[in-house]
Amino acid sequence: MTYTAKDYDRALIAPEQVFASPMDIVETESMTPEQKLTVLKHWEANARDLQVASEENMTGPENSRLGEVKKAIIRLRELENLDERSVS
């Protein structure tokens, strides 16, 4: 699937609503490696928030997918030779 600039903007807010899985971000050719990492970092932050809320019994049945996001970030860094400084 091809993603547009509008999809990228939406993914910065709610990546899980644009992409079926974190690895889909890694595999898309519609974004730069830095954009991919930025979106994954947003997903990671959202997943951490969801995990904390879940631990405090403040969420519904959704799963944070934090493990999947971390694996996708590692894979993207390996493929694109990115480091922490690649995202502001």
N, C-alpha and C. Protein backbone atom coordinates (compact mmCIF):
# COMPACT_ATOMS: atom_id res chain seq x y z
N MET A 1 0.84 -1.18 0.00
CA MET A 1 0.00 0.00 0.00
C MET A 1 0.88 1.24 0.00
N THR A 2 0.46 2.25 -0.73
CA THR A 2 1.17 3.52 -0.77
C THR A 2 0.52 4.48 0.21
N TYR A 3 1.35 5.15 0.99
CA TYR A 3 0.87 6.10 1.98
C TYR A 3 1.18 7.50 1.52
N THR A 4 0.29 8.43 1.84
CA THR A 4 0.43 9.83 1.43
C THR A 4 0.94 10.68 2.58
N ALA A 5 1.19 11.95 2.28
CA ALA A 5 1.60 12.89 3.33
C ALA A 5 0.51 13.01 4.39
N LYS A 6 -0.73 12.94 3.96
CA LYS A 6 -1.85 13.00 4.91
C LYS A 6 -1.81 11.79 5.85
N ASP A 7 -1.50 10.61 5.30
CA ASP A 7 -1.37 9.41 6.13
C ASP A 7 -0.23 9.58 7.13
N TYR A 8 0.86 10.17 6.69
CA TYR A 8 2.00 10.41 7.59
C TYR A 8 1.56 11.31 8.74
N ASP A 9 0.84 12.39 8.42
CA ASP A 9 0.37 13.30 9.46
C ASP A 9 -0.55 12.58 10.45
N ARG A 10 -1.43 11.74 9.94
CA ARG A 10 -2.33 10.97 10.80
C ARG A 10 -1.55 9.98 11.65
N ALA A 11 -0.52 9.38 11.05
CA ALA A 11 0.29 8.40 11.76
C ALA A 11 1.08 9.01 12.91
N LEU A 12 1.38 10.29 12.82
CA LEU A 12 2.08 10.96 13.91
C LEU A 12 1.19 11.06 15.14
N ILE A 13 -0.11 11.07 14.94
CA ILE A 13 -1.06 11.16 16.05
C ILE A 13 -1.48 9.77 16.53
N ALA A 14 -1.85 8.92 15.57
CA ALA A 14 -2.36 7.58 15.91
C ALA A 14 -1.87 6.57 14.89
N PRO A 15 -0.61 6.16 14.99
CA PRO A 15 -0.05 5.25 13.99
C PRO A 15 -0.82 3.95 13.85
N GLU A 16 -1.38 3.48 14.95
CA GLU A 16 -2.12 2.22 14.93
C GLU A 16 -3.41 2.30 14.11
N GLN A 17 -3.85 3.52 13.80
CA GLN A 17 -5.04 3.69 12.96
C GLN A 17 -4.69 3.77 11.47
N VAL A 18 -3.42 3.95 11.16
CA VAL A 18 -2.98 4.05 9.78
C VAL A 18 -2.32 2.74 9.32
N PHE A 19 -1.56 2.14 10.20
CA PHE A 19 -0.80 0.93 9.87
C PHE A 19 -1.34 -0.27 10.64
N ALA A 20 -1.44 -1.40 9.98
CA ALA A 20 -1.95 -2.62 10.61
C ALA A 20 -0.98 -3.15 11.66
N SER A 21 0.31 -2.95 11.43
CA SER A 21 1.31 -3.42 12.39
C SER A 21 2.53 -2.50 12.35
N PRO A 22 3.32 -2.49 13.40
CA PRO A 22 4.54 -1.68 13.40
C PRO A 22 5.49 -2.06 12.25
N MET A 23 5.55 -3.34 11.91
CA MET A 23 6.45 -3.76 10.84
C MET A 23 6.00 -3.21 9.48
N ASP A 24 4.72 -2.90 9.32
CA ASP A 24 4.25 -2.28 8.08
C ASP A 24 4.92 -0.93 7.85
N ILE A 25 5.24 -0.24 8.92
CA ILE A 25 5.94 1.04 8.82
C ILE A 25 7.35 0.81 8.27
N VAL A 26 8.02 -0.19 8.81
CA VAL A 26 9.37 -0.52 8.36
C VAL A 26 9.37 -0.87 6.88
N GLU A 27 8.36 -1.58 6.43
CA GLU A 27 8.33 -2.11 5.07
C GLU A 27 7.81 -1.12 4.02
N THR A 28 7.14 -0.04 4.43
CA THR A 28 6.61 0.89 3.44
C THR A 28 7.74 1.64 2.73
N GLU A 29 7.52 1.92 1.47
CA GLU A 29 8.49 2.71 0.71
C GLU A 29 8.00 4.15 0.53
N SER A 30 6.91 4.48 1.20
CA SER A 30 6.29 5.80 1.05
C SER A 30 6.83 6.85 2.01
N MET A 31 7.78 6.46 2.88
CA MET A 31 8.34 7.40 3.84
C MET A 31 9.85 7.25 3.88
N THR A 32 10.51 8.30 4.32
CA THR A 32 11.96 8.23 4.53
C THR A 32 12.23 7.41 5.79
N PRO A 33 13.44 6.91 5.94
CA PRO A 33 13.78 6.18 7.17
C PRO A 33 13.55 7.02 8.43
N GLU A 34 13.85 8.30 8.36
CA GLU A 34 13.66 9.18 9.51
C GLU A 34 12.18 9.34 9.84
N GLN A 35 11.33 9.46 8.81
CA GLN A 35 9.89 9.54 9.04
C GLN A 35 9.37 8.26 9.67
N LYS A 36 9.85 7.13 9.17
CA LYS A 36 9.44 5.84 9.73
C LYS A 36 9.79 5.76 11.21
N LEU A 37 11.01 6.17 11.55
CA LEU A 37 11.45 6.11 12.94
C LEU A 37 10.62 7.05 13.80
N THR A 38 10.31 8.23 13.28
CA THR A 38 9.48 9.18 14.02
C THR A 38 8.10 8.58 14.32
N VAL A 39 7.49 7.98 13.32
CA VAL A 39 6.17 7.36 13.51
C VAL A 39 6.26 6.21 14.52
N LEU A 40 7.29 5.39 14.39
CA LEU A 40 7.46 4.28 15.34
C LEU A 40 7.68 4.79 16.76
N LYS A 41 8.40 5.87 16.91
CA LYS A 41 8.63 6.45 18.24
C LYS A 41 7.32 6.97 18.83
N HIS A 42 6.46 7.54 17.98
CA HIS A 42 5.14 7.97 18.45
C HIS A 42 4.32 6.77 18.88
N TRP A 43 4.37 5.70 18.09
CA TRP A 43 3.64 4.48 18.44
C TRP A 43 4.17 3.92 19.76
N GLU A 44 5.49 3.96 19.92
CA GLU A 44 6.09 3.47 21.16
C GLU A 44 5.58 4.28 22.36
N ALA A 45 5.53 5.59 22.23
CA ALA A 45 5.04 6.43 23.32
C ALA A 45 3.57 6.13 23.62
N ASN A 46 2.76 5.98 22.57
CA ASN A 46 1.35 5.64 22.77
C ASN A 46 1.22 4.29 23.46
N ALA A 47 2.04 3.32 23.04
CA ALA A 47 1.98 1.98 23.62
C ALA A 47 2.39 2.00 25.09
N ARG A 48 3.39 2.81 25.41
CA ARG A 48 3.81 2.92 26.81
C ARG A 48 2.70 3.53 27.66
N ASP A 49 2.06 4.57 27.12
CA ASP A 49 0.93 5.19 27.84
C ASP A 49 -0.19 4.18 28.06
N LEU A 50 -0.48 3.40 27.03
CA LEU A 50 -1.53 2.40 27.13
C LEU A 50 -1.16 1.32 28.15
N GLN A 51 0.10 0.94 28.17
CA GLN A 51 0.56 -0.07 29.12
C GLN A 51 0.42 0.44 30.56
N VAL A 52 0.78 1.68 30.80
CA VAL A 52 0.65 2.26 32.14
C VAL A 52 -0.82 2.33 32.54
N ALA A 53 -1.66 2.77 31.61
CA ALA A 53 -3.09 2.85 31.90
C ALA A 53 -3.65 1.46 32.19
N SER A 54 -3.19 0.47 31.45
CA SER A 54 -3.65 -0.90 31.65
C SER A 54 -3.25 -1.40 33.04
N GLU A 55 -2.03 -1.09 33.43
CA GLU A 55 -1.55 -1.50 34.75
C GLU A 55 -2.36 -0.85 35.86
N GLU A 56 -2.94 0.30 35.56
CA GLU A 56 -3.76 1.01 36.55
C GLU A 56 -5.25 0.73 36.34
N ASN A 57 -5.55 -0.30 35.53
CA ASN A 57 -6.93 -0.69 35.22
C ASN A 57 -7.76 0.45 34.65
N MET A 58 -7.15 1.22 33.76
CA MET A 58 -7.84 2.38 33.19
C MET A 58 -8.10 2.24 31.69
N THR A 59 -8.01 1.04 31.15
CA THR A 59 -8.21 0.87 29.71
C THR A 59 -9.21 -0.21 29.41
N GLY A 60 -9.54 -0.27 28.14
CA GLY A 60 -10.40 -1.33 27.64
C GLY A 60 -9.57 -2.51 27.20
N PRO A 61 -10.07 -3.28 26.24
CA PRO A 61 -9.40 -4.52 25.85
C PRO A 61 -8.23 -4.36 24.89
N GLU A 62 -7.91 -3.15 24.40
CA GLU A 62 -6.85 -3.02 23.41
C GLU A 62 -5.48 -3.37 23.98
N ASN A 63 -4.62 -3.85 23.11
CA ASN A 63 -3.29 -4.31 23.45
C ASN A 63 -2.29 -3.23 23.07
N SER A 64 -1.29 -2.96 23.90
CA SER A 64 -0.34 -1.88 23.63
C SER A 64 0.60 -2.19 22.47
N ARG A 65 0.92 -3.44 22.20
CA ARG A 65 1.82 -3.86 21.13
C ARG A 65 3.23 -3.30 21.29
N LEU A 66 3.60 -2.96 22.51
CA LEU A 66 4.90 -2.36 22.77
C LEU A 66 6.04 -3.25 22.28
N GLY A 67 5.95 -4.54 22.51
CA GLY A 67 6.99 -5.45 22.06
C GLY A 67 7.17 -5.43 20.55
N GLU A 68 6.06 -5.41 19.81
CA GLU A 68 6.12 -5.35 18.35
C GLU A 68 6.76 -4.06 17.88
N VAL A 69 6.43 -2.96 18.55
CA VAL A 69 6.98 -1.66 18.17
C VAL A 69 8.49 -1.64 18.39
N LYS A 70 8.92 -2.15 19.53
CA LYS A 70 10.36 -2.19 19.82
C LYS A 70 11.11 -3.03 18.78
N LYS A 71 10.55 -4.17 18.41
CA LYS A 71 11.18 -5.02 17.39
C LYS A 71 11.25 -4.30 16.05
N ALA A 72 10.20 -3.56 15.70
CA ALA A 72 10.19 -2.81 14.44
C ALA A 72 11.24 -1.71 14.44
N ILE A 73 11.40 -1.03 15.58
CA ILE A 73 12.42 0.02 15.68
C ILE A 73 13.81 -0.59 15.51
N ILE A 74 14.06 -1.70 16.18
CA ILE A 74 15.36 -2.38 16.05
C ILE A 74 15.60 -2.78 14.60
N ARG A 75 14.60 -3.36 13.97
CA ARG A 75 14.74 -3.80 12.57
C ARG A 75 15.01 -2.62 11.64
N LEU A 76 14.28 -1.52 11.82
CA LEU A 76 14.48 -0.33 10.99
C LEU A 76 15.90 0.21 11.17
N ARG A 77 16.36 0.26 12.39
CA ARG A 77 17.73 0.75 12.64
C ARG A 77 18.77 -0.14 11.98
N GLU A 78 18.53 -1.44 12.01
CA GLU A 78 19.46 -2.36 11.35
C GLU A 78 19.46 -2.15 9.83
N LEU A 79 18.28 -2.03 9.25
CA LEU A 79 18.17 -1.90 7.80
C LEU A 79 18.70 -0.56 7.29
N GLU A 80 18.45 0.49 8.05
CA GLU A 80 18.76 1.84 7.57
C GLU A 80 19.96 2.49 8.28
N ASN A 81 20.60 1.75 9.18
CA ASN A 81 21.76 2.28 9.91
C ASN A 81 21.42 3.59 10.64
N LEU A 82 20.32 3.57 11.39
CA LEU A 82 19.86 4.74 12.12
C LEU A 82 20.25 4.63 13.58
N ASP A 83 20.40 5.76 14.24
CA ASP A 83 20.63 5.77 15.67
C ASP A 83 19.65 6.72 16.35
N GLU A 84 19.77 6.90 17.66
CA GLU A 84 18.84 7.73 18.43
C GLU A 84 18.80 9.18 17.92
N ARG A 85 19.90 9.67 17.43
CA ARG A 85 19.95 11.06 16.97
C ARG A 85 19.18 11.28 15.68
N SER A 86 18.71 10.20 15.06
CA SER A 86 17.99 10.31 13.80
C SER A 86 16.60 10.90 13.97
N VAL A 87 16.11 10.94 15.19
CA VAL A 87 14.78 11.48 15.48
C VAL A 87 14.90 12.58 16.49
N SER A 88 14.24 13.68 16.21
CA SER A 88 14.28 14.79 17.17
C SER A 88 13.18 14.68 18.18
